[in-house]
Amino acid sequence: MYTNGKIKVLRAKAYDEGGNEYDLGEKEVISTDKSVTYHLSEYTQIPDGKKLAKVKIIFEESHSGPLMLSVSEVQFWERNVAN
């Protein structure tokens, strides 16, 4: 996730096709951070072979008051598991 320095704390959750929720944890962001990365493979609670249907990003705190949705951009990369 790319940020313009306004986000202070965020949390991410993922959901599989069956609706099961997986907490991806909370990240603190300092104002000089330009991006925040969640590696889904680090979360062993997501069983191998599960297809994720949705990822939710929750902006919990801000350095400068109310957040606008335009303060961040979320990108996803698929990694080849054979590598």
N, C-alpha and C. Protein backbone atom coordinates (compact mmCIF):
# COMPACT_ATOMS: atom_id res chain seq x y z
N MET A 1 0.84 -1.16 0.00
CA MET A 1 0.00 0.00 0.00
C MET A 1 0.89 1.23 0.00
N TYR A 2 0.55 2.16 -0.83
CA TYR A 2 1.30 3.41 -0.86
C TYR A 2 0.55 4.45 -0.04
N THR A 3 1.27 5.30 0.66
CA THR A 3 0.64 6.29 1.51
C THR A 3 1.30 7.64 1.33
N ASN A 4 0.55 8.70 1.61
CA ASN A 4 1.11 10.05 1.51
C ASN A 4 1.56 10.56 2.88
N GLY A 5 1.69 9.69 3.86
CA GLY A 5 2.19 10.08 5.16
C GLY A 5 1.14 10.42 6.18
N LYS A 6 -0.14 10.37 5.82
CA LYS A 6 -1.20 10.74 6.77
C LYS A 6 -1.69 9.56 7.60
N ILE A 7 -1.53 8.34 7.09
CA ILE A 7 -2.02 7.17 7.81
C ILE A 7 -1.07 6.85 8.95
N LYS A 8 -1.63 6.59 10.14
CA LYS A 8 -0.81 6.27 11.31
C LYS A 8 -0.90 4.79 11.65
N VAL A 9 -2.10 4.23 11.64
CA VAL A 9 -2.30 2.82 11.96
C VAL A 9 -3.31 2.25 10.98
N LEU A 10 -3.02 1.07 10.46
CA LEU A 10 -4.00 0.39 9.62
C LEU A 10 -3.99 -1.09 9.92
N ARG A 11 -5.07 -1.74 9.57
CA ARG A 11 -5.27 -3.17 9.79
C ARG A 11 -5.77 -3.77 8.48
N ALA A 12 -5.42 -5.02 8.24
CA ALA A 12 -5.89 -5.69 7.03
C ALA A 12 -6.53 -7.03 7.39
N LYS A 13 -7.58 -7.37 6.64
CA LYS A 13 -8.24 -8.66 6.79
C LYS A 13 -8.46 -9.24 5.41
N ALA A 14 -8.43 -10.56 5.32
CA ALA A 14 -8.68 -11.24 4.05
C ALA A 14 -9.83 -12.21 4.25
N TYR A 15 -10.55 -12.47 3.17
CA TYR A 15 -11.70 -13.37 3.20
C TYR A 15 -11.56 -14.37 2.06
N ASP A 16 -11.82 -15.64 2.36
CA ASP A 16 -11.77 -16.64 1.29
C ASP A 16 -13.15 -16.75 0.64
N GLU A 17 -13.25 -17.62 -0.36
CA GLU A 17 -14.50 -17.76 -1.10
C GLU A 17 -15.65 -18.25 -0.23
N GLY A 18 -15.35 -18.93 0.87
CA GLY A 18 -16.38 -19.40 1.78
C GLY A 18 -16.79 -18.38 2.82
N GLY A 19 -16.17 -17.20 2.80
CA GLY A 19 -16.50 -16.14 3.75
C GLY A 19 -15.70 -16.19 5.04
N ASN A 20 -14.76 -17.12 5.16
CA ASN A 20 -13.92 -17.17 6.36
C ASN A 20 -12.99 -15.97 6.40
N GLU A 21 -12.86 -15.38 7.58
CA GLU A 21 -12.04 -14.18 7.75
C GLU A 21 -10.67 -14.54 8.33
N TYR A 22 -9.63 -13.89 7.79
CA TYR A 22 -8.26 -14.07 8.28
C TYR A 22 -7.70 -12.70 8.62
N ASP A 23 -7.31 -12.53 9.87
CA ASP A 23 -6.75 -11.26 10.32
C ASP A 23 -5.29 -11.18 9.88
N LEU A 24 -4.95 -10.19 9.08
CA LEU A 24 -3.59 -10.03 8.60
C LEU A 24 -2.76 -9.11 9.49
N GLY A 25 -3.36 -8.64 10.57
CA GLY A 25 -2.61 -7.86 11.54
C GLY A 25 -2.69 -6.35 11.36
N GLU A 26 -2.07 -5.69 12.30
CA GLU A 26 -2.06 -4.23 12.35
C GLU A 26 -0.65 -3.74 12.04
N LYS A 27 -0.57 -2.63 11.34
CA LYS A 27 0.72 -2.02 11.01
C LYS A 27 0.71 -0.57 11.45
N GLU A 28 1.78 -0.15 12.13
CA GLU A 28 1.97 1.26 12.42
C GLU A 28 2.76 1.86 11.28
N VAL A 29 2.38 3.06 10.88
CA VAL A 29 3.01 3.74 9.75
C VAL A 29 3.56 5.07 10.26
N ILE A 30 4.85 5.30 10.03
CA ILE A 30 5.40 6.61 10.40
C ILE A 30 5.23 7.55 9.21
N SER A 31 5.22 8.83 9.47
CA SER A 31 4.87 9.80 8.43
C SER A 31 5.83 9.79 7.25
N THR A 32 7.04 9.25 7.41
CA THR A 32 7.99 9.20 6.29
C THR A 32 7.88 7.91 5.47
N ASP A 33 7.08 6.94 5.94
CA ASP A 33 6.88 5.71 5.16
C ASP A 33 6.17 6.03 3.86
N LYS A 34 6.68 5.48 2.78
CA LYS A 34 6.04 5.67 1.48
C LYS A 34 5.16 4.48 1.10
N SER A 35 5.36 3.35 1.77
CA SER A 35 4.53 2.18 1.48
C SER A 35 4.51 1.25 2.69
N VAL A 36 3.50 0.39 2.73
CA VAL A 36 3.35 -0.63 3.76
C VAL A 36 3.07 -1.93 3.02
N THR A 37 3.72 -3.00 3.43
CA THR A 37 3.57 -4.28 2.74
C THR A 37 3.03 -5.34 3.70
N TYR A 38 2.04 -6.07 3.24
CA TYR A 38 1.56 -7.27 3.92
C TYR A 38 1.91 -8.45 3.01
N HIS A 39 2.59 -9.44 3.55
CA HIS A 39 2.90 -10.66 2.80
C HIS A 39 1.91 -11.73 3.26
N LEU A 40 0.97 -12.05 2.40
CA LEU A 40 -0.06 -13.02 2.78
C LEU A 40 0.52 -14.36 3.14
N SER A 41 1.66 -14.72 2.55
CA SER A 41 2.27 -16.03 2.83
C SER A 41 2.81 -16.13 4.25
N GLU A 42 2.95 -15.00 4.94
CA GLU A 42 3.45 -15.02 6.32
C GLU A 42 2.37 -15.48 7.30
N TYR A 43 1.14 -15.49 6.87
CA TYR A 43 0.04 -15.79 7.78
C TYR A 43 -0.36 -17.25 7.61
N THR A 44 0.15 -18.08 8.51
CA THR A 44 -0.05 -19.53 8.39
C THR A 44 -1.49 -19.92 8.65
N GLN A 45 -2.31 -19.02 9.17
CA GLN A 45 -3.70 -19.36 9.41
C GLN A 45 -4.50 -19.47 8.10
N ILE A 46 -3.94 -18.98 6.99
CA ILE A 46 -4.59 -19.14 5.69
C ILE A 46 -4.14 -20.48 5.12
N PRO A 47 -5.03 -21.45 5.04
CA PRO A 47 -4.64 -22.79 4.57
C PRO A 47 -4.14 -22.76 3.12
N ASP A 48 -3.17 -23.62 2.82
CA ASP A 48 -2.68 -23.75 1.45
C ASP A 48 -3.83 -24.09 0.52
N GLY A 49 -3.81 -23.49 -0.65
CA GLY A 49 -4.83 -23.78 -1.64
C GLY A 49 -6.09 -22.95 -1.54
N LYS A 50 -6.23 -22.17 -0.46
CA LYS A 50 -7.41 -21.31 -0.32
C LYS A 50 -7.31 -20.15 -1.28
N LYS A 51 -8.40 -19.85 -1.95
CA LYS A 51 -8.45 -18.69 -2.83
C LYS A 51 -9.08 -17.54 -2.07
N LEU A 52 -8.38 -16.42 -2.02
CA LEU A 52 -8.93 -15.26 -1.34
C LEU A 52 -9.87 -14.52 -2.28
N ALA A 53 -11.02 -14.12 -1.76
CA ALA A 53 -12.02 -13.44 -2.56
C ALA A 53 -12.03 -11.94 -2.29
N LYS A 54 -11.56 -11.53 -1.10
CA LYS A 54 -11.65 -10.12 -0.74
C LYS A 54 -10.58 -9.79 0.29
N VAL A 55 -10.04 -8.59 0.21
CA VAL A 55 -9.13 -8.07 1.22
C VAL A 55 -9.68 -6.73 1.68
N LYS A 56 -9.76 -6.54 3.00
CA LYS A 56 -10.28 -5.30 3.56
C LYS A 56 -9.15 -4.56 4.26
N ILE A 57 -8.99 -3.28 3.95
CA ILE A 57 -8.01 -2.43 4.61
C ILE A 57 -8.77 -1.46 5.50
N ILE A 58 -8.42 -1.43 6.78
CA ILE A 58 -9.10 -0.58 7.75
C ILE A 58 -8.12 0.48 8.22
N PHE A 59 -8.43 1.73 7.94
CA PHE A 59 -7.59 2.84 8.36
C PHE A 59 -8.01 3.24 9.76
N GLU A 60 -7.19 2.93 10.77
CA GLU A 60 -7.60 3.10 12.16
C GLU A 60 -7.25 4.46 12.74
N GLU A 61 -6.14 5.04 12.34
CA GLU A 61 -5.73 6.33 12.89
C GLU A 61 -5.04 7.15 11.82
N SER A 62 -5.02 8.46 12.05
CA SER A 62 -4.39 9.36 11.10
C SER A 62 -3.47 10.32 11.85
N HIS A 63 -2.43 10.77 11.18
CA HIS A 63 -1.54 11.78 11.76
C HIS A 63 -2.17 13.17 11.71
N SER A 64 -3.17 13.37 10.83
CA SER A 64 -3.65 14.73 10.59
C SER A 64 -5.16 14.84 10.50
N GLY A 65 -5.88 14.13 11.35
CA GLY A 65 -7.33 14.26 11.33
C GLY A 65 -8.00 13.23 10.43
N PRO A 66 -9.22 13.55 9.99
CA PRO A 66 -10.00 12.60 9.20
C PRO A 66 -9.29 12.15 7.93
N LEU A 67 -9.48 10.89 7.60
CA LEU A 67 -8.86 10.33 6.40
C LEU A 67 -9.82 10.40 5.22
N MET A 68 -9.27 10.61 4.07
CA MET A 68 -10.02 10.52 2.82
C MET A 68 -9.55 9.23 2.14
N LEU A 69 -10.40 8.61 1.39
CA LEU A 69 -10.01 7.39 0.70
C LEU A 69 -8.88 7.62 -0.29
N SER A 70 -8.69 8.85 -0.69
CA SER A 70 -7.66 9.14 -1.69
C SER A 70 -6.25 9.16 -1.12
N VAL A 71 -6.08 8.93 0.18
CA VAL A 71 -4.74 9.02 0.76
C VAL A 71 -3.93 7.75 0.58
N SER A 72 -4.51 6.73 0.00
CA SER A 72 -3.71 5.52 -0.20
C SER A 72 -4.11 4.82 -1.49
N GLU A 73 -3.24 3.97 -1.91
CA GLU A 73 -3.47 3.15 -3.10
C GLU A 73 -3.06 1.74 -2.73
N VAL A 74 -3.89 0.77 -3.06
CA VAL A 74 -3.60 -0.62 -2.73
C VAL A 74 -3.30 -1.37 -4.02
N GLN A 75 -2.19 -2.10 -4.03
CA GLN A 75 -1.82 -2.92 -5.18
C GLN A 75 -1.58 -4.34 -4.71
N PHE A 76 -1.90 -5.29 -5.56
CA PHE A 76 -1.70 -6.70 -5.26
C PHE A 76 -0.78 -7.31 -6.30
N TRP A 77 0.12 -8.17 -5.85
CA TRP A 77 1.02 -8.90 -6.73
C TRP A 77 0.81 -10.38 -6.48
N GLU A 78 0.74 -11.14 -7.54
CA GLU A 78 0.65 -12.59 -7.41
C GLU A 78 2.04 -13.16 -7.59
N ARG A 79 2.45 -13.97 -6.66
CA ARG A 79 3.77 -14.57 -6.71
C ARG A 79 3.64 -16.00 -7.22
N ASN A 80 4.55 -16.40 -8.05
CA ASN A 80 4.57 -17.76 -8.55
C ASN A 80 5.07 -18.67 -7.44
N VAL A 81 4.20 -19.55 -6.95
CA VAL A 81 4.57 -20.41 -5.81
C VAL A 81 5.66 -21.41 -6.16
N ALA A 82 5.92 -21.61 -7.43
CA ALA A 82 6.97 -22.55 -7.84
C ALA A 82 8.36 -21.95 -7.65
N ASN A 83 8.44 -20.64 -7.50
CA ASN A 83 9.75 -19.98 -7.34
C ASN A 83 10.13 -19.81 -5.90
